[in-house]
PDB file of N, CA and C in Angstrom:
ATOM      1  N   UNK A   1     -12.065   3.383   5.747  1.00  0.00           N
ATOM      2  CA  UNK A   1     -11.539   4.538   6.420  1.00  0.00           C
ATOM      3  C   UNK A   1     -12.719   5.471   6.830  1.00  0.00           C
ATOM      4  N   UNK A   2     -12.410   6.193   7.878  1.00  0.00           N
ATOM      5  CA  UNK A   2     -13.373   7.167   8.466  1.00  0.00           C
ATOM      6  C   UNK A   2     -12.622   8.396   8.830  1.00  0.00           C
ATOM      7  N   UNK A   3     -13.225   9.559   8.570  1.00  0.00           N
ATOM      8  CA  UNK A   3     -12.538  10.848   8.852  1.00  0.00           C
ATOM      9  C   UNK A   3     -13.222  11.601   9.926  1.00  0.00           C
ATOM     10  N   UNK A   4     -12.452  12.387  10.704  1.00  0.00           N
ATOM     11  CA  UNK A   4     -13.014  13.140  11.788  1.00  0.00           C
ATOM     12  C   UNK A   4     -12.417  14.603  11.572  1.00  0.00           C
ATOM     13  N   UNK A   5     -13.389  15.595  11.469  1.00  0.00           N
ATOM     14  CA  UNK A   5     -12.911  16.974  11.288  1.00  0.00           C
ATOM     15  C   UNK A   5     -12.870  17.705  12.665  1.00  0.00           C
ATOM     16  N   UNK A   6     -11.656  18.279  12.918  1.00  0.00           N
ATOM     17  CA  UNK A   6     -11.548  18.981  14.208  1.00  0.00           C
ATOM     18  C   UNK A   6     -12.017  20.461  14.049  1.00  0.00           C
ATOM     19  N   UNK A   7     -11.904  21.216  15.107  1.00  0.00           N
ATOM     20  CA  UNK A   7     -12.395  22.621  15.114  1.00  0.00           C
ATOM     21  C   UNK A   7     -11.575  23.513  14.185  1.00  0.00           C
ATOM     22  N   UNK A   8     -10.327  23.122  13.873  1.00  0.00           N
ATOM     23  CA  UNK A   8      -9.431  23.911  12.921  1.00  0.00           C
ATOM     24  C   UNK A   8      -9.684  23.503  11.539  1.00  0.00           C
ATOM     25  N   UNK A   9     -10.551  22.522  11.234  1.00  0.00           N
ATOM     26  CA  UNK A   9     -10.873  22.041   9.900  1.00  0.00           C
ATOM     27  C   UNK A   9      -9.930  20.974   9.387  1.00  0.00           C
ATOM     28  N   UNK A  10      -9.002  20.521  10.261  1.00  0.00           N
ATOM     29  CA  UNK A  10      -8.132  19.427   9.887  1.00  0.00           C
ATOM     30  C   UNK A  10      -8.909  18.102   9.996  1.00  0.00           C
ATOM     31  N   UNK A  11      -8.588  17.140   9.062  1.00  0.00           N
ATOM     32  CA  UNK A  11      -9.229  15.823   9.085  1.00  0.00           C
ATOM     33  C   UNK A  11      -8.279  14.777   9.414  1.00  0.00           C
ATOM     34  N   UNK A  12      -8.653  13.972  10.380  1.00  0.00           N
ATOM     35  CA  UNK A  12      -7.826  12.851  10.857  1.00  0.00           C
ATOM     36  C   UNK A  12      -8.498  11.570  10.312  1.00  0.00           C
ATOM     37  N   UNK A  13      -7.669  10.741   9.676  1.00  0.00           N
ATOM     38  CA  UNK A  13      -8.218   9.416   9.194  1.00  0.00           C
ATOM     39  C   UNK A  13      -7.942   8.256  10.107  1.00  0.00           C
ATOM     40  N   UNK A  14      -8.822   7.388  10.224  1.00  0.00           N
ATOM     41  CA  UNK A  14      -8.713   6.118  11.011  1.00  0.00           C
ATOM     42  C   UNK A  14      -9.351   4.949  10.218  1.00  0.00           C
ATOM     43  N   UNK A  15      -8.852   3.800  10.474  1.00  0.00           N
ATOM     44  CA  UNK A  15      -9.640   2.603   9.976  1.00  0.00           C
ATOM     45  C   UNK A  15     -10.948   2.519  10.756  1.00  0.00           C
ATOM     46  N   UNK A  16     -11.919   2.075  10.055  1.00  0.00           N
ATOM     47  CA  UNK A  16     -13.249   1.981  10.724  1.00  0.00           C
ATOM     48  C   UNK A  16     -13.300   1.112  11.979  1.00  0.00           C
ATOM     49  N   UNK A  17     -12.456   0.071  12.067  1.00  0.00           N
ATOM     50  CA  UNK A  17     -12.470  -0.781  13.226  1.00  0.00           C
ATOM     51  C   UNK A  17     -11.409  -0.374  14.240  1.00  0.00           C
ATOM     52  N   UNK A  18     -10.743   0.774  14.101  1.00  0.00           N
ATOM     53  CA  UNK A  18      -9.828   1.287  15.047  1.00  0.00           C
ATOM     54  C   UNK A  18     -10.533   1.668  16.318  1.00  0.00           C
ATOM     55  N   UNK A  19      -9.966   1.238  17.508  1.00  0.00           N
ATOM     56  CA  UNK A  19     -10.623   1.532  18.763  1.00  0.00           C
ATOM     57  C   UNK A  19     -10.822   3.008  18.984  1.00  0.00           C
ATOM     58  N   UNK A  20      -9.847   3.881  18.587  1.00  0.00           N
ATOM     59  CA  UNK A  20      -9.980   5.297  18.680  1.00  0.00           C
ATOM     60  C   UNK A  20     -11.118   5.857  17.828  1.00  0.00           C
ATOM     61  N   UNK A  21     -11.218   5.270  16.626  1.00  0.00           N
ATOM     62  CA  UNK A  21     -12.298   5.758  15.675  1.00  0.00           C
ATOM     63  C   UNK A  21     -13.634   5.381  16.257  1.00  0.00           C
ATOM     64  N   UNK A  22     -13.792   4.220  16.793  1.00  0.00           N
ATOM     65  CA  UNK A  22     -15.034   3.768  17.440  1.00  0.00           C
ATOM     66  C   UNK A  22     -15.449   4.631  18.654  1.00  0.00           C
ATOM     67  N   UNK A  23     -14.441   4.987  19.474  1.00  0.00           N
ATOM     68  CA  UNK A  23     -14.625   5.843  20.574  1.00  0.00           C
ATOM     69  C   UNK A  23     -15.006   7.266  20.143  1.00  0.00           C
ATOM     70  N   UNK A  24     -14.292   7.793  19.159  1.00  0.00           N
ATOM     71  CA  UNK A  24     -14.551   9.132  18.641  1.00  0.00           C
ATOM     72  C   UNK A  24     -15.939   9.159  17.982  1.00  0.00           C
ATOM     73  N   UNK A  25     -16.340   8.193  17.233  1.00  0.00           N
ATOM     74  CA  UNK A  25     -17.588   8.175  16.610  1.00  0.00           C
ATOM     75  C   UNK A  25     -18.764   8.241  17.601  1.00  0.00           C
ATOM     76  N   UNK A  26     -18.520   7.615  18.755  1.00  0.00           N
ATOM     77  CA  UNK A  26     -19.629   7.636  19.762  1.00  0.00           C
ATOM     78  C   UNK A  26     -19.630   9.000  20.544  1.00  0.00           C
ATOM     79  N   UNK A  27     -18.426   9.628  20.647  1.00  0.00           N
ATOM     80  CA  UNK A  27     -18.367  10.818  21.361  1.00  0.00           C
ATOM     81  C   UNK A  27     -18.518  12.112  20.421  1.00  0.00           C
ATOM     82  N   UNK A  28     -18.078  11.968  19.186  1.00  0.00           N
ATOM     83  CA  UNK A  28     -18.103  13.153  18.292  1.00  0.00           C
ATOM     84  C   UNK A  28     -18.769  12.805  16.940  1.00  0.00           C
ATOM     85  N   UNK A  29     -19.953  12.132  17.013  1.00  0.00           N
ATOM     86  CA  UNK A  29     -20.553  11.700  15.791  1.00  0.00           C
ATOM     87  C   UNK A  29     -20.734  12.793  14.722  1.00  0.00           C
ATOM     88  N   UNK A  30     -20.968  14.154  15.164  1.00  0.00           N
ATOM     89  CA  UNK A  30     -21.204  15.155  14.237  1.00  0.00           C
ATOM     90  C   UNK A  30     -19.938  15.563  13.558  1.00  0.00           C
ATOM     91  N   UNK A  31     -18.773  15.126  13.965  1.00  0.00           N
ATOM     92  CA  UNK A  31     -17.441  15.535  13.251  1.00  0.00           C
ATOM     93  C   UNK A  31     -17.046  14.494  12.251  1.00  0.00           C
ATOM     94  N   UNK A  32     -17.839  13.471  11.982  1.00  0.00           N
ATOM     95  CA  UNK A  32     -17.517  12.475  11.008  1.00  0.00           C
ATOM     96  C   UNK A  32     -17.693  13.034   9.610  1.00  0.00           C
ATOM     97  N   UNK A  33     -16.734  12.819   8.773  1.00  0.00           N
ATOM     98  CA  UNK A  33     -16.823  13.272   7.385  1.00  0.00           C
ATOM     99  C   UNK A  33     -16.593  12.107   6.448  1.00  0.00           C
ATOM    100  N   UNK A  34     -17.222  12.207   5.246  1.00  0.00           N
ATOM    101  CA  UNK A  34     -17.090  11.135   4.290  1.00  0.00           C
ATOM    102  C   UNK A  34     -15.643  11.215   3.695  1.00  0.00           C
ATOM    103  N   UNK A  35     -15.068  10.057   3.473  1.00  0.00           N
ATOM    104  CA  UNK A  35     -13.729   9.928   3.010  1.00  0.00           C
ATOM    105  C   UNK A  35     -13.786   9.072   1.725  1.00  0.00           C
ATOM    106  N   UNK A  36     -13.380   9.596   0.638  1.00  0.00           N
ATOM    107  CA  UNK A  36     -13.420   8.899  -0.594  1.00  0.00           C
ATOM    108  C   UNK A  36     -12.045   9.031  -1.333  1.00  0.00           C
ATOM    109  N   UNK A  37     -11.360   7.953  -1.535  1.00  0.00           N
ATOM    110  CA  UNK A  37     -10.104   7.997  -2.205  1.00  0.00           C
ATOM    111  C   UNK A  37     -10.231   7.727  -3.703  1.00  0.00           C
ATOM    112  N   UNK A  38      -9.765   8.525  -4.492  1.00  0.00           N
ATOM    113  CA  UNK A  38      -9.721   8.355  -5.957  1.00  0.00           C
ATOM    114  C   UNK A  38      -8.442   7.630  -6.298  1.00  0.00           C
ATOM    115  N   UNK A  39      -8.455   6.845  -7.302  1.00  0.00           N
ATOM    116  CA  UNK A  39      -7.273   6.134  -7.754  1.00  0.00           C
ATOM    117  C   UNK A  39      -6.275   7.194  -8.279  1.00  0.00           C
ATOM    118  N   UNK A  40      -5.034   7.151  -7.829  1.00  0.00           N
ATOM    119  CA  UNK A  40      -4.017   8.045  -8.255  1.00  0.00           C
ATOM    120  C   UNK A  40      -2.711   7.255  -8.530  1.00  0.00           C
ATOM    121  N   UNK A  41      -1.925   7.693  -9.539  1.00  0.00           N
ATOM    122  CA  UNK A  41      -0.647   7.022  -9.752  1.00  0.00           C
ATOM    123  C   UNK A  41       0.382   7.300  -8.671  1.00  0.00           C
ATOM    124  N   UNK A  42       0.253   8.491  -8.087  1.00  0.00           N
ATOM    125  CA  UNK A  42       1.342   8.876  -7.124  1.00  0.00           C
ATOM    126  C   UNK A  42       1.037   8.402  -5.676  1.00  0.00           C
ATOM    127  N   UNK A  43      -0.167   8.088  -5.307  1.00  0.00           N
ATOM    128  CA  UNK A  43      -0.486   7.701  -3.970  1.00  0.00           C
ATOM    129  C   UNK A  43      -0.861   6.254  -3.897  1.00  0.00           C
ATOM    130  N   UNK A  44      -0.232   5.565  -2.997  1.00  0.00           N
ATOM    131  CA  UNK A  44      -0.551   4.067  -2.808  1.00  0.00           C
ATOM    132  C   UNK A  44      -0.917   3.698  -1.399  1.00  0.00           C
ATOM    133  N   UNK A  45      -1.699   2.711  -1.272  1.00  0.00           N
ATOM    134  CA  UNK A  45      -2.129   2.300   0.047  1.00  0.00           C
ATOM    135  C   UNK A  45      -1.465   0.982   0.386  1.00  0.00           C
ATOM    136  N   UNK A  46      -0.913   0.806   1.582  1.00  0.00           N
ATOM    137  CA  UNK A  46      -0.355  -0.550   1.900  1.00  0.00           C
ATOM    138  C   UNK A  46      -1.437  -1.509   2.197  1.00  0.00           C
ATOM    139  N   UNK A  47      -1.302  -2.720   1.734  1.00  0.00           N
ATOM    140  CA  UNK A  47      -2.233  -3.859   2.082  1.00  0.00           C
ATOM    141  C   UNK A  47      -1.388  -5.136   2.393  1.00  0.00           C
ATOM    142  N   UNK A  48      -2.014  -6.005   3.116  1.00  0.00           N
ATOM    143  CA  UNK A  48      -1.424  -7.307   3.428  1.00  0.00           C
ATOM    144  C   UNK A  48      -2.554  -8.363   3.074  1.00  0.00           C
ATOM    145  N   UNK A  49      -2.032  -9.389   2.266  1.00  0.00           N
ATOM    146  CA  UNK A  49      -2.934 -10.434   1.987  1.00  0.00           C
ATOM    147  C   UNK A  49      -2.295 -11.762   2.516  1.00  0.00           C
ATOM    148  N   UNK A  50      -3.146 -12.727   2.730  1.00  0.00           N
ATOM    149  CA  UNK A  50      -2.688 -14.101   3.144  1.00  0.00           C
ATOM    150  C   UNK A  50      -3.098 -15.059   2.082  1.00  0.00           C
ATOM    151  N   UNK A  51      -2.164 -15.833   1.602  1.00  0.00           N
ATOM    152  CA  UNK A  51      -2.373 -16.848   0.569  1.00  0.00           C
ATOM    153  C   UNK A  51      -2.136 -18.206   1.166  1.00  0.00           C
ATOM    154  N   UNK A  52      -3.150 -19.092   0.979  1.00  0.00           N
ATOM    155  CA  UNK A  52      -2.966 -20.504   1.497  1.00  0.00           C
ATOM    156  C   UNK A  52      -3.133 -21.430   0.359  1.00  0.00           C
ATOM    157  N   UNK A  53      -2.397 -22.508   0.412  1.00  0.00           N
ATOM    158  CA  UNK A  53      -2.483 -23.590  -0.605  1.00  0.00           C
ATOM    159  C   UNK A  53      -1.563 -24.697  -0.351  1.00  0.00           C
ATOM    160  N   UNK A  54      -1.506 -25.598  -1.337  1.00  0.00           N
ATOM    161  CA  UNK A  54      -0.729 -26.832  -1.279  1.00  0.00           C
ATOM    162  C   UNK A  54       0.648 -26.413  -2.021  1.00  0.00           C
ATOM    163  N   UNK A  55       1.698 -26.617  -1.269  1.00  0.00           N
ATOM    164  CA  UNK A  55       2.981 -26.240  -1.847  1.00  0.00           C
ATOM    165  C   UNK A  55       3.340 -27.088  -3.069  1.00  0.00           C
ATOM    166  N   UNK A  56       4.075 -26.461  -3.972  1.00  0.00           N
ATOM    167  CA  UNK A  56       4.571 -27.118  -5.148  1.00  0.00           C
ATOM    168  C   UNK A  56       5.797 -26.291  -5.647  1.00  0.00           C
ATOM    169  N   UNK A  57       6.609 -26.924  -6.472  1.00  0.00           N
ATOM    170  CA  UNK A  57       7.718 -26.372  -7.034  1.00  0.00           C
ATOM    171  C   UNK A  57       7.284 -25.077  -7.834  1.00  0.00           C
ATOM    172  N   UNK A  58       7.964 -23.938  -7.507  1.00  0.00           N
ATOM    173  CA  UNK A  58       7.746 -22.646  -8.081  1.00  0.00           C
ATOM    174  C   UNK A  58       6.447 -21.937  -7.655  1.00  0.00           C
ATOM    175  N   UNK A  59       5.733 -22.444  -6.606  1.00  0.00           N
ATOM    176  CA  UNK A  59       4.476 -21.713  -6.264  1.00  0.00           C
ATOM    177  C   UNK A  59       4.839 -20.316  -5.783  1.00  0.00           C
ATOM    178  N   UNK A  60       5.779 -20.125  -5.004  1.00  0.00           N
ATOM    179  CA  UNK A  60       6.148 -18.764  -4.478  1.00  0.00           C
ATOM    180  C   UNK A  60       6.535 -17.873  -5.651  1.00  0.00           C
ATOM    181  N   UNK A  61       7.380 -18.367  -6.509  1.00  0.00           N
ATOM    182  CA  UNK A  61       7.741 -17.533  -7.678  1.00  0.00           C
ATOM    183  C   UNK A  61       6.576 -17.175  -8.571  1.00  0.00           C
ATOM    184  N   UNK A  62       5.585 -18.071  -8.707  1.00  0.00           N
ATOM    185  CA  UNK A  62       4.454 -17.755  -9.460  1.00  0.00           C
ATOM    186  C   UNK A  62       3.621 -16.619  -8.757  1.00  0.00           C
ATOM    187  N   UNK A  63       3.502 -16.663  -7.421  1.00  0.00           N
ATOM    188  CA  UNK A  63       2.813 -15.617  -6.687  1.00  0.00           C
ATOM    189  C   UNK A  63       3.539 -14.302  -6.810  1.00  0.00           C
ATOM    190  N   UNK A  64       4.835 -14.279  -6.690  1.00  0.00           N
ATOM    191  CA  UNK A  64       5.628 -13.043  -6.886  1.00  0.00           C
ATOM    192  C   UNK A  64       5.517 -12.425  -8.256  1.00  0.00           C
ATOM    193  N   UNK A  65       5.574 -13.322  -9.273  1.00  0.00           N
ATOM    194  CA  UNK A  65       5.495 -12.882 -10.642  1.00  0.00           C
ATOM    195  C   UNK A  65       4.047 -12.311 -10.881  1.00  0.00           C
ATOM    196  N   UNK A  66       3.062 -12.917 -10.357  1.00  0.00           N
ATOM    197  CA  UNK A  66       1.703 -12.461 -10.507  1.00  0.00           C
ATOM    198  C   UNK A  66       1.553 -11.052  -9.948  1.00  0.00           C
ATOM    199  N   UNK A  67       2.111 -10.815  -8.823  1.00  0.00           N
ATOM    200  CA  UNK A  67       2.003  -9.429  -8.129  1.00  0.00           C
ATOM    201  C   UNK A  67       2.864  -8.419  -8.825  1.00  0.00           C
ATOM    202  N   UNK A  68       4.112  -8.784  -9.040  1.00  0.00           N
ATOM    203  CA  UNK A  68       5.153  -7.754  -9.611  1.00  0.00           C
ATOM    204  C   UNK A  68       5.051  -7.619 -11.152  1.00  0.00           C
ATOM    205  N   UNK A  69       4.901  -8.711 -11.842  1.00  0.00           N
ATOM    206  CA  UNK A  69       4.974  -8.625 -13.274  1.00  0.00           C
ATOM    207  C   UNK A  69       3.563  -8.416 -13.888  1.00  0.00           C
ATOM    208  N   UNK A  70       2.651  -9.296 -13.537  1.00  0.00           N
ATOM    209  CA  UNK A  70       1.312  -9.206 -14.109  1.00  0.00           C
ATOM    210  C   UNK A  70       0.450  -7.994 -13.583  1.00  0.00           C
ATOM    211  N   UNK A  71       0.484  -7.771 -12.285  1.00  0.00           N
ATOM    212  CA  UNK A  71      -0.195  -6.656 -11.692  1.00  0.00           C
ATOM    213  C   UNK A  71       0.592  -5.341 -11.646  1.00  0.00           C
ATOM    214  N   UNK A  72       1.935  -5.470 -11.822  1.00  0.00           N
ATOM    215  CA  UNK A  72       2.807  -4.305 -11.810  1.00  0.00           C
ATOM    216  C   UNK A  72       2.732  -3.586 -10.427  1.00  0.00           C
ATOM    217  N   UNK A  73       2.789  -4.338  -9.327  1.00  0.00           N
ATOM    218  CA  UNK A  73       2.750  -3.819  -8.001  1.00  0.00           C
ATOM    219  C   UNK A  73       4.112  -4.068  -7.283  1.00  0.00           C
ATOM    220  N   UNK A  74       4.485  -3.310  -6.307  1.00  0.00           N
ATOM    221  CA  UNK A  74       5.672  -3.544  -5.558  1.00  0.00           C
ATOM    222  C   UNK A  74       5.451  -4.173  -4.237  1.00  0.00           C
ATOM    223  N   UNK A  75       6.161  -5.273  -4.057  1.00  0.00           N
ATOM    224  CA  UNK A  75       6.132  -6.086  -2.751  1.00  0.00           C
ATOM    225  C   UNK A  75       7.190  -5.481  -1.862  1.00  0.00           C
ATOM    226  N   UNK A  76       6.752  -5.091  -0.596  1.00  0.00           N
ATOM    227  CA  UNK A  76       7.730  -4.615   0.357  1.00  0.00           C
ATOM    228  C   UNK A  76       7.917  -5.590   1.608  1.00  0.00           C
ATOM    229  N   UNK A  77       7.079  -6.631   1.638  1.00  0.00           N
ATOM    230  CA  UNK A  77       7.366  -7.691   2.686  1.00  0.00           C
ATOM    231  C   UNK A  77       6.719  -8.955   2.313  1.00  0.00           C
ATOM    232  N   UNK A  78       7.419 -10.057   2.517  1.00  0.00           N
ATOM    233  CA  UNK A  78       6.858 -11.375   2.221  1.00  0.00           C
ATOM    234  C   UNK A  78       7.295 -12.372   3.291  1.00  0.00           C
ATOM    235  N   UNK A  79       6.365 -13.185   3.718  1.00  0.00           N
ATOM    236  CA  UNK A  79       6.647 -14.194   4.748  1.00  0.00           C
ATOM    237  C   UNK A  79       5.960 -15.464   4.390  1.00  0.00           C
ATOM    238  N   UNK A  80       6.716 -16.551   4.381  1.00  0.00           N
ATOM    239  CA  UNK A  80       6.158 -17.922   4.002  1.00  0.00           C
ATOM    240  C   UNK A  80       6.512 -18.940   5.075  1.00  0.00           C
ATOM    241  N   UNK A  81       5.524 -19.765   5.345  1.00  0.00           N
ATOM    242  CA  UNK A  81       5.652 -20.847   6.296  1.00  0.00           C
ATOM    243  C   UNK A  81       5.050 -22.096   5.648  1.00  0.00           C
ATOM    244  N   UNK A  82       5.765 -23.230   5.547  1.00  0.00           N
ATOM    245  CA  UNK A  82       5.158 -24.472   5.065  1.00  0.00           C
ATOM    246  C   UNK A  82       5.220 -25.522   6.119  1.00  0.00           C
ATOM    247  N   UNK A  83       4.072 -26.109   6.400  1.00  0.00           N
ATOM    248  CA  UNK A  83       3.957 -27.265   7.272  1.00  0.00           C
ATOM    249  C   UNK A  83       3.233 -28.377   6.562  1.00  0.00           C
ATOM    250  N   UNK A  84       3.812 -29.505   6.477  1.00  0.00           N
ATOM    251  CA  UNK A  84       3.188 -30.683   5.835  1.00  0.00           C
ATOM    252  C   UNK A  84       2.605 -30.376   4.442  1.00  0.00           C
ATOM    253  N   UNK A  85       3.355 -29.743   3.732  1.00  0.00           N
ATOM    254  CA  UNK A  85       3.036 -29.288   2.317  1.00  0.00           C
ATOM    255  C   UNK A  85       1.920 -28.206   2.170  1.00  0.00           C
ATOM    256  N   UNK A  86       1.373 -27.746   3.345  1.00  0.00           N
ATOM    257  CA  UNK A  86       0.420 -26.663   3.312  1.00  0.00           C
ATOM    258  C   UNK A  86       1.266 -25.346   3.539  1.00  0.00           C
ATOM    259  N   UNK A  87       1.155 -24.434   2.601  1.00  0.00           N
ATOM    260  CA  UNK A  87       1.868 -23.203   2.579  1.00  0.00           C
ATOM    261  C   UNK A  87       0.976 -22.038   2.956  1.00  0.00           C
ATOM    262  N   UNK A  88       1.499 -21.126   3.788  1.00  0.00           N
ATOM    263  CA  UNK A  88       0.778 -19.927   4.143  1.00  0.00           C
ATOM    264  C   UNK A  88       1.744 -18.814   3.940  1.00  0.00           C
ATOM    265  N   UNK A  89       1.409 -17.869   3.092  1.00  0.00           N
ATOM    266  CA  UNK A  89       2.206 -16.799   2.704  1.00  0.00           C
ATOM    267  C   UNK A  89       1.492 -15.447   3.031  1.00  0.00           C
ATOM    268  N   UNK A  90       2.158 -14.537   3.700  1.00  0.00           N
ATOM    269  CA  UNK A  90       1.589 -13.182   3.843  1.00  0.00           C
ATOM    270  C   UNK A  90       2.508 -12.276   2.985  1.00  0.00           C
ATOM    271  N   UNK A  91       1.762 -11.433   2.248  1.00  0.00           N
ATOM    272  CA  UNK A  91       2.503 -10.509   1.295  1.00  0.00           C
ATOM    273  C   UNK A  91       1.941  -9.058   1.564  1.00  0.00           C
ATOM    274  N   UNK A  92       2.883  -8.112   1.749  1.00  0.00           N
ATOM    275  CA  UNK A  92       2.617  -6.761   1.896  1.00  0.00           C
ATOM    276  C   UNK A  92       2.977  -6.003   0.598  1.00  0.00           C
ATOM    277  N   UNK A  93       2.066  -5.271   0.018  1.00  0.00           N
ATOM    278  CA  UNK A  93       2.340  -4.556  -1.221  1.00  0.00           C
ATOM    279  C   UNK A  93       1.509  -3.295  -1.238  1.00  0.00           C
ATOM    280  N   UNK A  94       1.793  -2.396  -2.218  1.00  0.00           N
ATOM    281  CA  UNK A  94       1.050  -1.175  -2.263  1.00  0.00           C
ATOM    282  C   UNK A  94       0.097  -1.127  -3.464  1.00  0.00           C
ATOM    283  N   UNK A  95      -1.090  -0.627  -3.219  1.00  0.00           N
ATOM    284  CA  UNK A  95      -2.065  -0.555  -4.300  1.00  0.00           C
ATOM    285  C   UNK A  95      -2.484   0.859  -4.495  1.00  0.00           C
ATOM    286  N   UNK A  96      -3.169   1.190  -5.605  1.00  0.00           N
ATOM    287  CA  UNK A  96      -3.747   2.528  -5.904  1.00  0.00           C
ATOM    288  C   UNK A  96      -5.190   2.579  -5.482  1.00  0.00           C
ATOM    289  N   UNK A  97      -5.883   1.456  -5.479  1.00  0.00           N
ATOM    290  CA  UNK A  97      -7.334   1.507  -5.185  1.00  0.00           C
ATOM    291  C   UNK A  97      -7.788   0.076  -4.695  1.00  0.00           C
ATOM    292  N   UNK A  98      -9.044   0.107  -4.170  1.00  0.00           N
ATOM    293  CA  UNK A  98      -9.544  -1.209  -3.696  1.00  0.00           C
ATOM    294  C   UNK A  98      -9.737  -2.107  -4.976  1.00  0.00           C
ATOM    295  N   UNK A  99     -10.140  -1.507  -6.035  1.00  0.00           N
ATOM    296  CA  UNK A  99     -10.421  -2.268  -7.299  1.00  0.00           C
ATOM    297  C   UNK A  99      -9.069  -3.022  -7.723  1.00  0.00           C
ATOM    298  N   UNK A 100      -7.939  -2.271  -7.529  1.00  0.00           N
ATOM    299  CA  UNK A 100      -6.634  -2.877  -7.899  1.00  0.00           C
ATOM    300  C   UNK A 100      -6.318  -4.016  -7.005  1.00  0.00           C
ATOM    301  N   UNK A 101      -6.659  -3.877  -5.744  1.00  0.00           N
ATOM    302  CA  UNK A 101      -6.417  -4.968  -4.745  1.00  0.00           C
ATOM    303  C   UNK A 101      -7.357  -6.211  -5.083  1.00  0.00           C
ATOM    304  N   UNK A 102      -8.552  -5.964  -5.441  1.00  0.00           N
ATOM    305  CA  UNK A 102      -9.486  -7.057  -5.811  1.00  0.00           C
ATOM    306  C   UNK A 102      -8.948  -7.767  -7.003  1.00  0.00           C
ATOM    307  N   UNK A 103      -8.468  -7.085  -7.982  1.00  0.00           N
ATOM    308  CA  UNK A 103      -7.941  -7.653  -9.224  1.00  0.00           C
ATOM    309  C   UNK A 103      -6.720  -8.518  -8.914  1.00  0.00           C
ATOM    310  N   UNK A 104      -5.813  -8.005  -8.100  1.00  0.00           N
ATOM    311  CA  UNK A 104      -4.641  -8.730  -7.670  1.00  0.00           C
ATOM    312  C   UNK A 104      -4.977  -9.986  -6.931  1.00  0.00           C
ATOM    313  N   UNK A 105      -5.965  -9.916  -6.004  1.00  0.00           N
ATOM    314  CA  UNK A 105      -6.336 -11.134  -5.255  1.00  0.00           C
ATOM    315  C   UNK A 105      -7.052 -12.123  -6.118  1.00  0.00           C
ATOM    316  N   UNK A 106      -7.791 -11.660  -7.045  1.00  0.00           N
ATOM    317  CA  UNK A 106      -8.442 -12.589  -8.065  1.00  0.00           C
ATOM    318  C   UNK A 106      -7.414 -13.330  -8.967  1.00  0.00           C
ATOM    319  N   UNK A 107      -6.461 -12.550  -9.342  1.00  0.00           N
ATOM    320  CA  UNK A 107      -5.382 -13.109 -10.176  1.00  0.00           C
ATOM    321  C   UNK A 107      -4.563 -14.130  -9.356  1.00  0.00           C
ATOM    322  N   UNK A 108      -4.200 -13.820  -8.221  1.00  0.00           N
ATOM    323  CA  UNK A 108      -3.481 -14.741  -7.305  1.00  0.00           C
ATOM    324  C   UNK A 108      -4.286 -15.978  -7.031  1.00  0.00           C
ATOM    325  N   UNK A 109      -5.542 -15.841  -6.769  1.00  0.00           N
ATOM    326  CA  UNK A 109      -6.406 -16.954  -6.464  1.00  0.00           C
ATOM    327  C   UNK A 109      -6.507 -17.988  -7.690  1.00  0.00           C
ATOM    328  N   UNK A 110      -6.213 -17.513  -8.857  1.00  0.00           N
ATOM    329  CA  UNK A 110      -6.276 -18.366 -10.156  1.00  0.00           C
ATOM    330  C   UNK A 110      -5.005 -19.147 -10.334  1.00  0.00           C
ATOM    331  N   UNK A 111      -3.963 -18.876  -9.448  1.00  0.00           N
ATOM    332  CA  UNK A 111      -2.720 -19.671  -9.547  1.00  0.00           C
ATOM    333  C   UNK A 111      -2.928 -21.090  -9.057  1.00  0.00           C
ATOM    334  N   UNK A 112      -2.394 -22.052  -9.909  1.00  0.00           N
ATOM    335  CA  UNK A 112      -2.426 -23.504  -9.581  1.00  0.00           C
ATOM    336  C   UNK A 112      -1.993 -23.707  -8.145  1.00  0.00           C
ATOM    337  N   UNK A 113      -2.733 -24.450  -7.340  1.00  0.00           N
ATOM    338  CA  UNK A 113      -2.506 -24.871  -5.977  1.00  0.00           C
ATOM    339  C   UNK A 113      -2.805 -23.816  -4.955  1.00  0.00           C
ATOM    340  N   UNK A 114      -3.242 -22.641  -5.329  1.00  0.00           N
ATOM    341  CA  UNK A 114      -3.684 -21.572  -4.386  1.00  0.00           C
ATOM    342  C   UNK A 114      -5.161 -21.912  -4.050  1.00  0.00           C
ATOM    343  N   UNK A 115      -5.449 -22.133  -2.811  1.00  0.00           N
ATOM    344  CA  UNK A 115      -6.778 -22.372  -2.348  1.00  0.00           C
ATOM    345  C   UNK A 115      -7.562 -21.220  -1.736  1.00  0.00           C
ATOM    346  N   UNK A 116      -6.850 -20.280  -1.104  1.00  0.00           N
ATOM    347  CA  UNK A 116      -7.529 -19.193  -0.473  1.00  0.00           C
ATOM    348  C   UNK A 116      -6.676 -17.992  -0.502  1.00  0.00           C
ATOM    349  N   UNK A 117      -7.285 -16.808  -0.781  1.00  0.00           N
ATOM    350  CA  UNK A 117      -6.631 -15.505  -0.739  1.00  0.00           C
ATOM    351  C   UNK A 117      -7.516 -14.583   0.094  1.00  0.00           C
ATOM    352  N   UNK A 118      -7.006 -13.955   1.138  1.00  0.00           N
ATOM    353  CA  UNK A 118      -7.749 -13.041   1.909  1.00  0.00           C
ATOM    354  C   UNK A 118      -6.920 -11.840   2.406  1.00  0.00           C
ATOM    355  N   UNK A 119      -7.613 -10.746   2.696  1.00  0.00           N
ATOM    356  CA  UNK A 119      -6.964  -9.583   3.130  1.00  0.00           C
ATOM    357  C   UNK A 119      -6.856  -9.722   4.606  1.00  0.00           C
ATOM    358  N   UNK A 120      -5.696  -9.135   5.130  1.00  0.00           N
ATOM    359  CA  UNK A 120      -5.417  -9.033   6.557  1.00  0.00           C
ATOM    360  C   UNK A 120      -5.180  -7.625   6.970  1.00  0.00           C
ATOM    361  N   UNK A 121      -5.663  -7.161   8.089  1.00  0.00           N
ATOM    362  CA  UNK A 121      -5.418  -5.798   8.523  1.00  0.00           C
ATOM    363  C   UNK A 121      -3.980  -5.701   8.918  1.00  0.00           C
ATOM    364  N   UNK A 122      -3.381  -4.606   8.521  1.00  0.00           N
ATOM    365  CA  UNK A 122      -2.004  -4.301   8.999  1.00  0.00           C
ATOM    366  C   UNK A 122      -2.092  -3.528  10.205  1.00  0.00           C
ATOM    367  N   UNK A 123      -1.479  -3.937  11.307  1.00  0.00           N
ATOM    368  CA  UNK A 123      -1.561  -3.397  12.644  1.00  0.00           C
ATOM    369  C   UNK A 123      -0.707  -2.069  12.586  1.00  0.00           C
TER     370      UNK A 123
END
């Protein structure tokens, strides 16, 4: 995330790769402010991850249990496609911090038959 402070003192947040943020950084470089999010119980950030692997009985339920029961996070969208026993699942859920996301992804990656876990930008 990157922040831009306007003349009234208001800060607008953008993703670093946002086209508007890139344009604003080149035009208004002196208005950039450091943005640091502390982990808080009341504030959550939406993330999307992609999980790829070889399908098996209960793989999806193991992924859901890992996120909701082991990591205690709430899923708000899930999409799964399986072609020739190769499964690709995208999962949207909310996290409190980058550290929590990394822990969740590491835990999911340890599930039997999961080959790859990566973060996807939410448009």
